[in-house]
Every structure is written in C-alpha cells, then in structure tokens.
C-alpha cells in the first residue's frame, strides 16, 4: 500500500497507503527484491498460457488471501483453465483496498490510486469489464508539494523550476553538480537509503526530498531501509551507468524495450467508485472460487499434496491442494505454516510492518484558504509535525466529494514516529487537525471526520532484507509446490502487485511443466 504515489527514480517497491500494495508512493521497478532474473518482464504479454496439453482442471491450486496479489494471480490461473480456490479471512475481497461511501464522500482507506506502469493492468481491467469505470487523475495532480519552514513548496519538475525553487538552498543545488563525478558504492543491500543519498546528492536533498518521499511511499525511515532492496531502480542507475543523472537518460531506452511506462510518464488511475472496485470486479469473475470468512489456521505437507486447515465461525474445513500459494502479509503467513518450517516463520516474523493511522477530513470548500492545485504534500522529519503528509482527494479524481466540499487524507505514525500512536487518540487527532489547518490556511473545523488504524501497514525492505529474500527462494526450492508472494516480495505498489502476479503465474506454470 503506498501513501503518496510518485513518479521518478525513487520508485520503490511499494507506497504510503496501507498494505495492499500503498499513498504518496514511488512505484517499484521489476528489479525489486523478489523478482527473479529468470522471470524477465521482457516478454510478450499475449503469450500468458501454459502448454495446452496439460490437464489443468485436475491440478488443484489453493491461494491464501484475496488481496490484489492473490486475486490477480488467481485470475491468470483461472483464465488459463486451472482449478483455483482462494481462501480469504474477511467477508469481502481487496485486502487493504477498502472503499466506503458516506455522506457524499468516497473514502479509500487503503491505496487511493495506482500508476499504470504495465500493460497487465489494462488487460485485467478490460477482462473484468471495468473499462468504463476506470478514471485518470486530473492534470493538477501532477504537482506535489513538500513542507519547509511551514510553507508548501512545489517539487521542481524541470531544470528551470529547480533553479527557482526555495525548497533547496543555493548550496544544496550546487552540491548536485558533483553527482556525475562520484564513483560507485559498495554492495547496496547493506547500504541504507540515507547513506546512498547523502553520498551522491548531499544532506539537504536527503532531508527535504528523499526523507519525506520515503515516508510517503513506505511510511518508512530512510536510515533503516536498504537502498538496493527498497529502491532497486535508484541503486541500479549507479550500478549500471555509474551515476543517477546519466542513468536517468540512458535508462529510458531500456523501459522502451520492456514496453513499460516510466514513473514520470505513467498515468495515475483509480475507479469511479473507488479502488476497491478493482478487486471486487476480479472477484466477481472468480465467483465461488473464493471462500470468504475462512481463517486459515495451518498449512501442512501430506505426501505430495498440501492440507490447509480453515475455520469458518465454529466449523473447521480442510482443503487439499497440489499447489499452495500464500499472498497474505508476512506476519499472517508466519502463523499458519507447519512447525517444521520454523526457520521460515523466523524470517517472516522479522519483516517489520509499522503502524499507520489514516485520517480522512472533509471541509467546506469555501473554508480552504489556499489553491488545491496538486496531489497533496509530504512533510520532512525536520519539520517536526505530527503527521507524515496529506492527499488532496477531491482534487485528484472526480466523485470523491460534493462540489462544495474538499476532501483530504492524512497519514500519522509509520516507521518515523510509531510512538505517536501510543498517545491518547483524541488529543493526537486534535493536534494533527490543528497543524493541517495552519498549513492549508483553513478557517473552520472539518464537517466530516473518519479514521482507520492499520496496526501493521507497509512491509519495510530494511537493511538485511536480502537475507529474508534469499531464504524465501531456498524455502520454495526445498518445498516444491509452495509459493510465497504478496507485497513483502517484489514491491508494495498496486502496479508491483499486478506485475508480480503474472510472474507468480509463470512460476507456477514452469513448476507444473517440470513436474
């Protein structure tokens, strides 16, 4: 789940929205951790089928989780004729994609948008009949702001704008001129985002560009994230081209070959009735293949098959599968695997998911004293505010609020300041609203307030994450027929989850062919 979908080299593996795949987020690149070189994206998407001679209907595949990762993988498999069952603990599909409608407001409690970075998104949208419901962000949403000295500054998007902006001092701007002349760094898996950025771009760029956007994508702390695991695209520019500026220019050619849109040019999308429309439409196509209110308690090997014990209310039911795919969050997967796999459980449990509180506010349009001419704003840690940033929902997409209302989503906590969420809630919310009103020059109280707590929001690709990834690969190799997926592998954004679903589908096909 990303909070602040962003474009550009900061593309991570996911964002500042809750854990579905997250609000102000940089999207992940295909080289993100969890992507295997042998599963190259440099392929013809029209050839997404296993060999026709397979008796696919006799192969039972069970998927844990009806979030976007599980549903998209199930969709490819079902479309190809496989017998798929999806087990979901909730009574609805979508995972962290949760949309509600109340008092004329449309509230996305999870991701409020995605970036159309792969043709796979359009293929699924068309196949499930959502083409007329898909909408793109207003052009005004291209502008993103960062807070400095209690003033909002537009993030510069051109050399001329960069020279004029007051977001960075003249000293910081001159420091960037040294970047093309710096050498390569050591192994990036154990190098933090902060270390990498300070070395290449300087301290001020870290504090007022990277720090807020890491909070917006991962709800994370750049001191703790691995640059190569969390932002593989950023690290890859240095690794392949020797520098960031040089890599940005030459990397455009590679994206063209992969038939991908860069984060800079990819269009931001949602749906008229909110993001949950997407998983709901996929679920409708799968029909009774999805079993809701099914709390998986244990997964165990039984001969050549897998037994999945599920509890629904007071009744227990056992599902038997030839292939088992887990797409639930790491901490949920840790709770269901057999005790023999306790080393796997240890790796899963070590992946940190910080808490994030989402605060949705509705104000009368006339009370907002500044133009709503962007996606929203992010707050650097140095500004010492009690929230991470805000999205201007009613500016980005239509159908989000009544014409005389302005809707906003704010994010609190994350890896930067999880301790804030231990405080008295009402006092915290009052302080956040006060700070927000001051920044936005709002002269009255909100007329609509909703909040949602995500106790475990977005998986952190922390320093040493590569050890988890290596073990997951080893575990899959040692346990044929079990596949691990979800946004803790390969990226946290909606686009990452869709790309990974197709890769996982291909991996399952390859396993079946070899078997």
Protein backbone atom coordinates (compact mmCIF):
# COMPACT_ATOMS: atom_id res chain seq x y z
CA UNK A 1 0.00 0.00 0.00
CA UNK A 2 1.60 3.25 -0.87
CA UNK A 3 0.72 6.59 0.58
CA UNK A 4 1.97 9.05 -1.94
CA UNK A 5 2.20 7.53 -5.43
CA UNK A 6 5.14 9.25 -7.06
CA UNK A 7 6.90 9.17 -10.30
CA UNK A 8 10.60 9.08 -10.85
CA UNK A 9 13.77 7.31 -9.80
CA UNK A 10 12.60 6.99 -6.25
CA UNK A 11 10.37 4.27 -7.46
CA UNK A 12 10.40 1.72 -4.70
CA UNK A 13 8.76 -1.48 -4.36
CA UNK A 14 5.53 0.00 -2.99
CA UNK A 15 3.91 3.46 -1.13
CA UNK A 16 2.23 5.36 1.80
CA UNK A 17 -1.08 3.68 1.53
CA UNK A 18 -1.91 0.78 3.68
CA UNK A 19 -0.52 -2.56 2.91
CA UNK A 20 -2.40 -3.61 -0.12
CA UNK A 21 0.10 -2.83 -2.39
CA UNK A 22 0.34 1.79 -0.55
CA UNK A 23 -0.41 6.99 -0.60
CA UNK A 24 2.43 9.10 -1.87
CA UNK A 25 4.40 6.25 -3.31
CA UNK A 26 7.21 5.79 -5.71
CA UNK A 27 6.47 2.66 -7.57
CA UNK A 28 8.75 -0.34 -7.67
CA UNK A 29 10.78 -1.48 -10.60
CA UNK A 30 10.88 -5.01 -11.96
CA UNK A 31 14.33 -5.50 -10.49
CA UNK A 32 12.97 -5.06 -6.99
CA UNK A 33 13.81 -7.71 -4.45
CA UNK A 34 11.76 -10.79 -5.02
CA UNK A 35 11.91 -10.51 -8.80
CA UNK A 36 13.89 -13.35 -10.25
CA UNK A 37 16.13 -12.71 -13.27
CA UNK A 38 14.85 -15.89 -14.88
CA UNK A 39 11.35 -14.42 -14.92
CA UNK A 40 12.14 -11.48 -17.14
CA UNK A 41 9.47 -8.91 -17.89
CA UNK A 42 10.92 -8.66 -21.37
CA UNK A 43 8.26 -10.96 -22.78
CA UNK A 44 5.20 -10.94 -25.00
CA UNK A 45 2.25 -10.47 -22.65
CA UNK A 46 -0.09 -12.10 -25.15
CA UNK A 47 1.56 -15.48 -24.57
CA UNK A 48 0.38 -15.90 -21.00
CA UNK A 49 -0.71 -19.55 -21.16
CA UNK A 50 0.68 -22.86 -20.01
CA UNK A 51 1.02 -25.69 -22.51
CA UNK A 52 -2.36 -26.70 -23.87
CA UNK A 53 -1.67 -30.42 -23.46
CA UNK A 54 -1.83 -30.11 -19.67
CA UNK A 55 -4.91 -31.50 -17.96
CA UNK A 56 -5.22 -28.27 -15.99
CA UNK A 57 -8.59 -28.98 -14.42
CA UNK A 58 -7.13 -31.84 -12.37
CA UNK A 59 -4.48 -29.63 -10.75
CA UNK A 60 -5.84 -28.04 -7.58
CA UNK A 61 -4.28 -24.72 -6.62
CA UNK A 62 -5.15 -23.01 -3.33
CA UNK A 63 -4.31 -19.34 -2.77
CA UNK A 64 -4.25 -17.71 0.66
CA UNK A 65 -5.55 -14.14 0.56
CA UNK A 66 -7.98 -12.22 -1.67
CA UNK A 67 -5.98 -9.01 -1.80
CA UNK A 68 -4.93 -7.72 -5.21
CA UNK A 69 -1.88 -10.05 -5.33
CA UNK A 70 -3.91 -13.20 -4.68
CA UNK A 71 -6.85 -12.21 -6.87
CA UNK A 72 -4.73 -11.22 -9.87
CA UNK A 73 -2.74 -14.48 -9.71
CA UNK A 74 -5.97 -16.44 -9.34
CA UNK A 75 -7.38 -14.57 -12.32
CA UNK A 76 -4.49 -15.57 -14.63
CA UNK A 77 -4.69 -19.20 -13.46
CA UNK A 78 -8.48 -19.39 -13.71
CA UNK A 79 -8.43 -17.78 -17.15
CA UNK A 80 -5.99 -20.49 -18.21
CA UNK A 81 -8.26 -23.31 -17.04
CA UNK A 82 -6.78 -24.27 -13.66
CA UNK A 83 -8.89 -25.34 -10.67
CA UNK A 84 -8.26 -22.43 -8.26
CA UNK A 85 -9.58 -21.84 -4.75
CA UNK A 86 -8.94 -18.58 -2.89
CA UNK A 87 -9.25 -18.53 0.91
CA UNK A 88 -9.98 -15.12 2.45
CA UNK A 89 -10.40 -14.34 6.16
CA UNK A 90 -12.61 -11.27 5.62
CA UNK A 91 -16.11 -11.15 4.17
CA UNK A 92 -15.05 -9.10 1.14
CA UNK A 93 -12.19 -9.01 -1.38
CA UNK A 94 -9.44 -6.41 -1.67
CA UNK A 95 -7.10 -6.74 1.28
CA UNK A 96 -6.07 -3.18 2.14
CA UNK A 97 -8.09 -1.84 -0.81
CA UNK A 98 -11.10 -0.74 1.22
CA UNK A 99 -13.60 1.82 -0.12
CA UNK A 100 -16.62 3.22 1.70
CA UNK A 101 -19.25 5.83 0.71
CA UNK A 102 -20.72 8.07 3.40
CA UNK A 103 -22.46 11.48 3.47
CA UNK A 104 -21.42 12.27 -0.10
CA UNK A 105 -17.75 11.37 0.46
CA UNK A 106 -15.86 8.48 -1.15
CA UNK A 107 -13.26 7.18 1.29
CA UNK A 108 -10.39 4.93 0.22
CA UNK A 109 -8.95 3.63 3.47
CA UNK A 110 -6.12 1.93 1.61
CA UNK A 111 -4.49 2.97 -1.68
CA UNK A 112 -6.43 5.75 -3.38
CA UNK A 113 -4.75 5.27 -6.77
CA UNK A 114 -2.23 3.34 -8.81
CA UNK A 115 0.22 4.11 -11.60
CA UNK A 116 -0.40 2.41 -14.94
CA UNK A 117 3.17 1.19 -15.30
CA UNK A 118 2.41 -2.13 -17.01
CA UNK A 119 0.01 -3.20 -19.79
CA UNK A 120 -1.12 -6.01 -17.47
CA UNK A 121 -3.28 -3.53 -15.54
CA UNK A 122 -5.24 -2.59 -18.65
CA UNK A 123 -5.59 -6.25 -19.63
CA UNK A 124 -7.22 -7.18 -16.33
CA UNK A 125 -9.40 -4.04 -16.29
CA UNK A 126 -10.72 -4.89 -19.77
CA UNK A 127 -11.20 -8.58 -18.97
CA UNK A 128 -13.31 -7.86 -15.88
CA UNK A 129 -15.41 -5.17 -17.60
CA UNK A 130 -14.14 -2.11 -15.72
CA UNK A 131 -13.01 -0.02 -18.69
CA UNK A 132 -15.90 2.44 -18.36
CA UNK A 133 -15.27 2.77 -14.62
CA UNK A 134 -11.54 3.48 -14.84
CA UNK A 135 -10.62 7.14 -14.43
CA UNK A 136 -7.38 9.08 -14.61
CA UNK A 137 -6.10 11.79 -12.30
CA UNK A 138 -6.66 15.46 -13.05
CA UNK A 139 -3.59 17.11 -14.56
CA UNK A 140 -3.35 19.27 -11.44
CA UNK A 141 -2.41 16.13 -9.51
CA UNK A 142 0.97 16.09 -11.25
CA UNK A 143 2.13 18.75 -8.81
CA UNK A 144 3.39 17.55 -5.44
CA UNK A 145 4.37 19.74 -2.52
CA UNK A 146 6.91 19.44 0.28
CA UNK A 147 6.72 21.41 3.52
CA UNK A 148 9.68 23.56 4.55
CA UNK A 149 9.57 26.21 7.26
CA UNK A 150 5.81 25.73 7.44
CA UNK A 151 5.43 26.71 3.77
CA UNK A 152 4.46 24.40 0.91
CA UNK A 153 6.93 24.30 -1.99
CA UNK A 154 6.15 22.53 -5.26
CA UNK A 155 8.62 19.78 -6.04
CA UNK A 156 10.51 21.06 -9.13
CA UNK A 157 9.95 19.02 -12.29
CA UNK A 158 12.25 20.85 -14.70
CA UNK A 159 15.77 22.36 -14.57
CA UNK A 160 14.31 25.88 -14.64
CA UNK A 161 11.93 25.12 -11.77
CA UNK A 162 14.77 23.54 -9.80
CA UNK A 163 16.89 26.67 -10.13
CA UNK A 164 14.00 28.88 -8.95
CA UNK A 165 12.64 26.74 -6.10
CA UNK A 166 13.11 27.76 -2.48
CA UNK A 167 12.74 24.17 -1.35
CA UNK A 168 16.53 23.80 -1.61
CA UNK A 169 19.22 26.33 -0.74
CA UNK A 170 21.78 27.51 -3.35
CA UNK A 171 24.40 25.41 -1.55
CA UNK A 172 22.30 22.25 -1.97
CA UNK A 173 21.73 22.99 -5.66
CA UNK A 174 25.47 23.41 -6.26
CA UNK A 175 26.12 20.16 -4.41
CA UNK A 176 24.10 18.26 -7.02
CA UNK A 177 26.58 19.29 -9.70
CA UNK A 178 29.12 16.92 -8.15
CA UNK A 179 26.92 13.84 -8.59
CA UNK A 180 28.10 12.79 -12.10
CA UNK A 181 31.71 12.72 -10.87
CA UNK A 182 31.21 10.38 -7.90
CA UNK A 183 32.24 6.74 -8.08
CA UNK A 184 30.16 3.65 -7.40
CA UNK A 185 29.41 2.45 -3.88
CA UNK A 186 29.88 -0.93 -2.27
CA UNK A 187 27.20 -3.64 -2.03
CA UNK A 188 23.84 -1.89 -1.86
CA UNK A 189 21.86 -4.46 0.10
CA UNK A 190 23.59 -3.32 3.29
CA UNK A 191 23.68 0.37 2.42
CA UNK A 192 20.84 2.49 3.74
CA UNK A 193 18.86 4.89 1.58
CA UNK A 194 20.20 7.73 3.74
CA UNK A 195 23.84 6.73 3.22
CA UNK A 196 23.38 6.37 -0.52
CA UNK A 197 21.61 9.70 -0.98
CA UNK A 198 23.93 11.68 1.28
CA UNK A 199 26.93 10.41 -0.66
CA UNK A 200 25.51 11.09 -4.10
CA UNK A 201 23.25 14.12 -3.60
CA UNK A 202 24.05 15.68 -0.23
CA UNK A 203 22.42 16.00 3.18
CA UNK A 204 19.86 18.65 2.27
CA UNK A 205 18.49 16.66 -0.63
CA UNK A 206 18.11 13.71 1.75
CA UNK A 207 16.28 15.82 4.34
CA UNK A 208 13.89 17.68 2.03
CA UNK A 209 13.34 15.28 -0.87
CA UNK A 210 14.13 11.67 -0.03
CA UNK A 211 13.12 11.63 3.63
CA UNK A 212 9.56 12.84 3.00
CA UNK A 213 9.08 10.62 -0.03
CA UNK A 214 10.28 7.52 1.79
CA UNK A 215 7.64 8.36 4.40
CA UNK A 216 5.12 8.79 1.61
CA UNK A 217 5.87 5.51 -0.09
CA UNK A 218 6.76 3.11 2.69
CA UNK A 219 5.72 5.11 5.74
CA UNK A 220 9.39 4.37 6.32
CA UNK A 221 12.63 5.75 7.69
CA UNK A 222 15.44 6.12 5.11
CA UNK A 223 18.03 5.37 7.81
CA UNK A 224 16.71 1.83 8.08
CA UNK A 225 15.74 0.90 4.50
CA UNK A 226 18.13 -0.89 2.17
CA UNK A 227 18.64 1.19 -0.96
CA UNK A 228 19.07 -1.85 -3.19
CA UNK A 229 16.09 -3.75 -1.76
CA UNK A 230 13.66 -0.85 -1.30
CA UNK A 231 14.66 1.32 -4.27
CA UNK A 232 16.32 -1.05 -6.74
CA UNK A 233 15.80 1.37 -9.62
CA UNK A 234 17.66 4.14 -7.82
CA UNK A 235 20.57 1.86 -6.97
CA UNK A 236 20.58 0.33 -10.43
CA UNK A 237 21.22 3.72 -12.04
CA UNK A 238 24.53 3.90 -10.21
CA UNK A 239 25.33 0.22 -10.62
CA UNK A 240 24.77 0.11 -14.39
CA UNK A 241 25.55 3.64 -15.51
CA UNK A 242 27.88 4.98 -12.85
CA UNK A 243 25.57 7.80 -11.76
CA UNK A 244 21.96 8.90 -11.30
CA UNK A 245 21.75 11.68 -13.88
CA UNK A 246 23.49 9.62 -16.56
CA UNK A 247 21.31 6.63 -15.75
CA UNK A 248 18.07 8.59 -16.00
CA UNK A 249 18.89 9.46 -19.60
CA UNK A 250 20.13 6.05 -20.73
CA UNK A 251 17.55 4.08 -18.72
CA UNK A 252 14.70 5.46 -20.83
CA UNK A 253 15.81 3.23 -23.68
CA UNK A 254 15.51 0.09 -21.56
CA UNK A 255 11.98 0.94 -20.45
CA UNK A 256 11.00 1.28 -24.08
CA UNK A 257 12.26 -2.25 -24.78
CA UNK A 258 10.32 -3.64 -21.79
CA UNK A 259 7.09 -1.99 -23.01
CA UNK A 260 6.86 -0.24 -19.65
CA UNK A 261 5.92 3.30 -18.76
CA UNK A 262 8.39 5.23 -16.66
CA UNK A 263 7.10 6.54 -13.38
CA UNK A 264 7.41 10.01 -14.88
CA UNK A 265 5.00 9.28 -17.72
CA UNK A 266 2.75 6.56 -16.27
CA UNK A 267 -0.80 7.77 -15.73
CA UNK A 268 -2.34 7.71 -12.27
CA UNK A 269 -5.63 5.84 -12.21
CA UNK A 270 -8.49 4.89 -9.97
CA UNK A 271 -12.17 4.00 -10.48
CA UNK A 272 -15.38 6.00 -10.25
CA UNK A 273 -16.49 4.03 -7.20
CA UNK A 274 -13.05 3.81 -5.59
CA UNK A 275 -10.10 1.44 -5.69
CA UNK A 276 -11.95 -1.49 -4.16
CA UNK A 277 -13.93 -1.70 -7.40
CA UNK A 278 -10.86 -3.35 -8.94
CA UNK A 279 -10.57 -6.39 -6.64
CA UNK A 280 -14.36 -6.66 -6.46
CA UNK A 281 -14.60 -6.97 -10.25
CA UNK A 282 -11.89 -9.65 -10.33
CA UNK A 283 -13.67 -11.47 -7.50
CA UNK A 284 -16.94 -11.39 -9.46
CA UNK A 285 -15.20 -13.22 -12.32
CA UNK A 286 -13.87 -15.84 -9.93
CA UNK A 287 -17.29 -16.35 -8.34
CA UNK A 288 -17.49 -19.23 -5.87
CA UNK A 289 -13.79 -19.94 -6.31
CA UNK A 290 -13.35 -17.51 -3.38
CA UNK A 291 -14.21 -18.76 0.11
CA UNK A 292 -14.84 -15.83 2.46
CA UNK A 293 -14.70 -15.76 6.27
CA UNK A 294 -12.18 -18.57 6.06
CA UNK A 295 -9.46 -18.20 8.70
CA UNK A 296 -6.55 -20.41 7.73
CA UNK A 297 -5.05 -21.95 10.85
CA UNK A 298 -2.45 -24.34 9.48
CA UNK A 299 -0.74 -25.44 6.28
CA UNK A 300 0.98 -28.82 6.29
CA UNK A 301 2.52 -31.20 3.76
CA UNK A 302 0.70 -34.51 3.29
CA UNK A 303 2.52 -36.80 0.88
CA UNK A 304 2.69 -34.97 -2.44
CA UNK A 305 -0.15 -32.63 -1.50
CA UNK A 306 -0.85 -29.84 0.96
CA UNK A 307 -3.56 -29.72 3.60
CA UNK A 308 -4.91 -26.31 4.54
CA UNK A 309 -7.00 -26.21 7.71
CA UNK A 310 -9.55 -23.40 7.67
CA UNK A 311 -12.02 -22.26 10.32
CA UNK A 312 -15.32 -20.55 9.49
CA UNK A 313 -17.22 -19.48 12.59
CA UNK A 314 -17.16 -22.65 14.73
CA UNK A 315 -16.75 -25.05 11.84
CA UNK A 316 -13.45 -26.39 10.57
CA UNK A 317 -12.84 -27.38 6.97
CA UNK A 318 -9.86 -28.94 5.26
CA UNK A 319 -8.76 -28.07 1.74
CA UNK A 320 -6.36 -30.34 -0.16
CA UNK A 321 -4.19 -28.81 -2.87
CA UNK A 322 -1.47 -29.85 -5.29
CA UNK A 323 -0.04 -26.33 -5.19
CA UNK A 324 -0.29 -23.75 -2.42
CA UNK A 325 0.34 -20.03 -2.90
CA UNK A 326 0.46 -17.66 0.06
CA UNK A 327 -0.18 -13.97 -0.73
CA UNK A 328 -1.12 -12.86 2.79
CA UNK A 329 1.16 -10.47 4.74
CA UNK A 330 4.35 -11.99 6.14
CA UNK A 331 3.13 -11.91 9.75
CA UNK A 332 -0.06 -13.80 8.78
CA UNK A 333 1.88 -16.37 6.76
CA UNK A 334 4.13 -16.94 9.80
CA UNK A 335 1.10 -18.00 11.84
CA UNK A 336 -0.10 -20.76 9.50
CA UNK A 337 2.95 -22.72 8.39
CA UNK A 338 3.78 -26.08 9.96
CA UNK A 339 6.17 -26.05 12.92
CA UNK A 340 8.77 -27.86 10.82
CA UNK A 341 9.16 -24.63 8.88
CA UNK A 342 10.01 -22.59 11.96
CA UNK A 343 13.05 -21.10 10.24
CA UNK A 344 10.68 -19.70 7.62
CA UNK A 345 8.49 -18.37 10.41
CA UNK A 346 11.50 -16.59 11.88
CA UNK A 347 12.23 -14.81 8.60
CA UNK A 348 8.59 -13.87 8.07
CA UNK A 349 8.25 -12.52 11.61
CA UNK A 350 11.31 -10.31 11.21
CA UNK A 351 9.76 -8.25 8.39
CA UNK A 352 8.65 -5.03 10.05
CA UNK A 353 5.23 -3.52 9.34
CA UNK A 354 4.95 -0.11 11.08
CA UNK A 355 1.57 1.18 12.28
CA UNK A 356 -0.16 3.91 10.27
CA UNK A 357 -3.32 5.80 11.14
CA UNK A 358 -5.33 7.16 8.23
CA UNK A 359 -7.33 10.32 8.99
CA UNK A 360 -9.96 11.42 6.45
CA UNK A 361 -11.21 15.02 6.69
CA UNK A 362 -13.97 16.85 4.85
CA UNK A 363 -14.13 20.67 4.86
CA UNK A 364 -16.37 23.16 3.17
CA UNK A 365 -14.59 24.30 0.02
CA UNK A 366 -15.01 27.97 0.95
CA UNK A 367 -13.06 27.44 4.19
CA UNK A 368 -9.85 26.35 2.42
CA UNK A 369 -7.60 29.37 2.03
CA UNK A 370 -5.05 28.05 -0.46
CA UNK A 371 -5.46 26.70 -4.01
CA UNK A 372 -5.90 22.94 -4.27
CA UNK A 373 -3.68 22.60 -7.28
CA UNK A 374 -1.83 19.36 -6.67
CA UNK A 375 -1.79 15.80 -5.39
CA UNK A 376 -1.01 16.86 -1.85
CA UNK A 377 2.06 17.37 0.30
CA UNK A 378 4.67 15.49 2.30
CA UNK A 379 6.41 16.55 5.47
CA UNK A 380 10.14 16.07 6.14
CA UNK A 381 11.07 14.76 9.59
CA UNK A 382 12.97 18.02 10.22
CA UNK A 383 9.68 19.94 10.23
CA UNK A 384 8.62 18.17 13.46
CA UNK A 385 4.94 17.73 12.64
CA UNK A 386 2.67 15.04 13.99
CA UNK A 387 1.69 13.64 10.61
CA UNK A 388 3.54 12.46 7.51
CA UNK A 389 1.61 14.21 4.77
CA UNK A 390 -1.77 14.71 3.14
CA UNK A 391 -3.53 13.82 -0.09
CA UNK A 392 -6.00 16.24 -1.66
CA UNK A 393 -8.53 13.59 -2.67
CA UNK A 394 -11.22 15.76 -4.20
CA UNK A 395 -8.68 17.48 -6.46
CA UNK A 396 -7.22 14.29 -7.89
CA UNK A 397 -10.32 12.38 -9.00
CA UNK A 398 -14.00 13.20 -9.54
CA UNK A 399 -16.78 11.61 -7.48
CA UNK A 400 -14.79 11.95 -4.21
CA UNK A 401 -16.91 14.66 -2.56
CA UNK A 402 -19.82 17.00 -3.21
CA UNK A 403 -18.98 20.04 -5.32
CA UNK A 404 -18.97 22.39 -2.31
CA UNK A 405 -16.71 20.12 -0.25
CA UNK A 406 -12.96 19.43 -0.16
CA UNK A 407 -11.72 16.02 0.98
CA UNK A 408 -8.27 15.16 2.36
CA UNK A 409 -6.48 12.06 3.65
CA UNK A 410 -3.74 12.46 6.26
CA UNK A 411 -1.29 9.83 7.49
CA UNK A 412 0.10 9.52 11.01
CA UNK A 413 2.83 7.35 12.54
CA UNK A 414 4.76 4.98 10.31
CA UNK A 415 8.34 3.89 10.98
CA UNK A 416 9.31 7.53 11.54
CA UNK A 417 7.14 8.03 14.61
CA UNK A 418 5.19 4.91 15.66
CA UNK A 419 5.25 6.13 19.26
CA UNK A 420 2.73 8.86 18.37
CA UNK A 421 0.05 6.22 18.04
CA UNK A 422 0.55 5.16 21.66
CA UNK A 423 -0.73 8.56 22.81
CA UNK A 424 -4.29 9.50 23.66
CA UNK A 425 -6.11 9.32 20.33
CA UNK A 426 -8.45 12.31 20.64
CA UNK A 427 -5.62 14.64 21.63
CA UNK A 428 -3.43 13.38 18.79
CA UNK A 429 -6.20 13.87 16.22
CA UNK A 430 -6.92 17.37 17.51
CA UNK A 431 -3.23 18.32 17.21
CA UNK A 432 -2.95 16.89 13.70
CA UNK A 433 -6.06 18.75 12.53
CA UNK A 434 -4.71 21.97 14.05
CA UNK A 435 -1.38 21.58 12.21
CA UNK A 436 -3.13 20.71 8.95
CA UNK A 437 -5.46 23.72 9.12
CA UNK A 438 -2.50 26.03 9.72
CA UNK A 439 -0.58 24.67 6.72
CA UNK A 440 -3.63 24.81 4.45
CA UNK A 441 -4.98 28.16 5.75
CA UNK A 442 -8.33 26.62 6.68
CA UNK A 443 -10.51 28.83 8.88
CA UNK A 444 -13.10 26.37 10.21
CA UNK A 445 -13.32 22.85 11.64
CA UNK A 446 -13.90 19.79 9.47
CA UNK A 447 -17.53 18.85 8.85
CA UNK A 448 -16.64 15.19 8.33
CA UNK A 449 -14.03 13.03 10.08
CA UNK A 450 -13.20 9.35 9.67
CA UNK A 451 -10.16 7.42 10.79
CA UNK A 452 -8.75 3.95 10.40
CA UNK A 453 -5.83 2.33 12.16
CA UNK A 454 -3.57 -0.05 10.24
CA UNK A 455 -1.62 -1.73 13.07
CA UNK A 456 0.69 -3.36 10.53
CA UNK A 457 0.68 -1.23 7.40
CA UNK A 458 3.51 -1.50 4.88
CA UNK A 459 6.33 -4.08 4.82
CA UNK A 460 9.75 -2.47 5.23
CA UNK A 461 12.59 -3.54 2.93
CA UNK A 462 15.08 -2.92 5.70
CA UNK A 463 18.85 -3.36 5.85
CA UNK A 464 19.47 -7.10 5.65
CA UNK A 465 16.16 -7.75 3.88
CA UNK A 466 18.09 -9.64 1.20
CA UNK A 467 18.72 -12.44 3.73
CA UNK A 468 14.98 -12.96 4.01
CA UNK A 469 14.59 -12.95 0.25
CA UNK A 470 17.37 -15.49 -0.20
CA UNK A 471 15.77 -17.75 2.38
CA UNK A 472 12.34 -17.46 0.75
CA UNK A 473 13.89 -18.64 -2.53
CA UNK A 474 15.62 -21.52 -0.74
CA UNK A 475 12.39 -22.45 1.06
CA UNK A 476 10.47 -22.62 -2.23
CA UNK A 477 13.24 -24.75 -3.79
CA UNK A 478 13.24 -27.13 -0.78
CA UNK A 479 9.44 -27.33 -0.68
CA UNK A 480 8.23 -27.82 -4.28
CA UNK A 481 4.64 -26.74 -4.75
CA UNK A 482 4.69 -23.95 -2.15
CA UNK A 483 4.95 -20.39 -3.45
CA UNK A 484 5.32 -17.22 -1.40
CA UNK A 485 4.10 -13.91 -2.79
CA UNK A 486 2.50 -10.65 -1.66
CA UNK A 487 3.78 -7.13 -1.24
CA UNK A 488 6.64 -8.13 1.04
CA UNK A 489 8.28 -9.60 -2.07
CA UNK A 490 8.86 -7.60 -5.23
CA UNK A 491 7.28 -4.25 -4.38
CA UNK A 492 4.44 -2.62 -2.47
CA UNK A 493 2.54 -0.66 -5.12
CA UNK A 494 -0.57 -1.77 -7.00
CA UNK A 495 1.46 -1.97 -10.21
CA UNK A 496 4.12 -4.08 -8.48
CA UNK A 497 1.48 -6.49 -7.21
CA UNK A 498 -0.02 -6.88 -10.68
CA UNK A 499 3.38 -7.46 -12.29
CA UNK A 500 4.29 -9.96 -9.58
CA UNK A 501 1.01 -11.80 -10.03
CA UNK A 502 1.91 -12.53 -13.64
CA UNK A 503 5.42 -13.60 -12.63
CA UNK A 504 3.97 -15.91 -9.98
CA UNK A 505 1.57 -17.36 -12.54
CA UNK A 506 4.54 -18.09 -14.81
CA UNK A 507 6.48 -19.67 -11.96
CA UNK A 508 3.57 -21.99 -11.18
CA UNK A 509 3.28 -22.93 -14.85
CA UNK A 510 7.00 -23.70 -15.03
CA UNK A 511 6.74 -25.85 -11.89
CA UNK A 512 3.83 -27.83 -13.36
CA UNK A 513 5.65 -28.36 -16.66
CA UNK A 514 8.76 -29.62 -14.90
CA UNK A 515 6.71 -31.88 -12.66
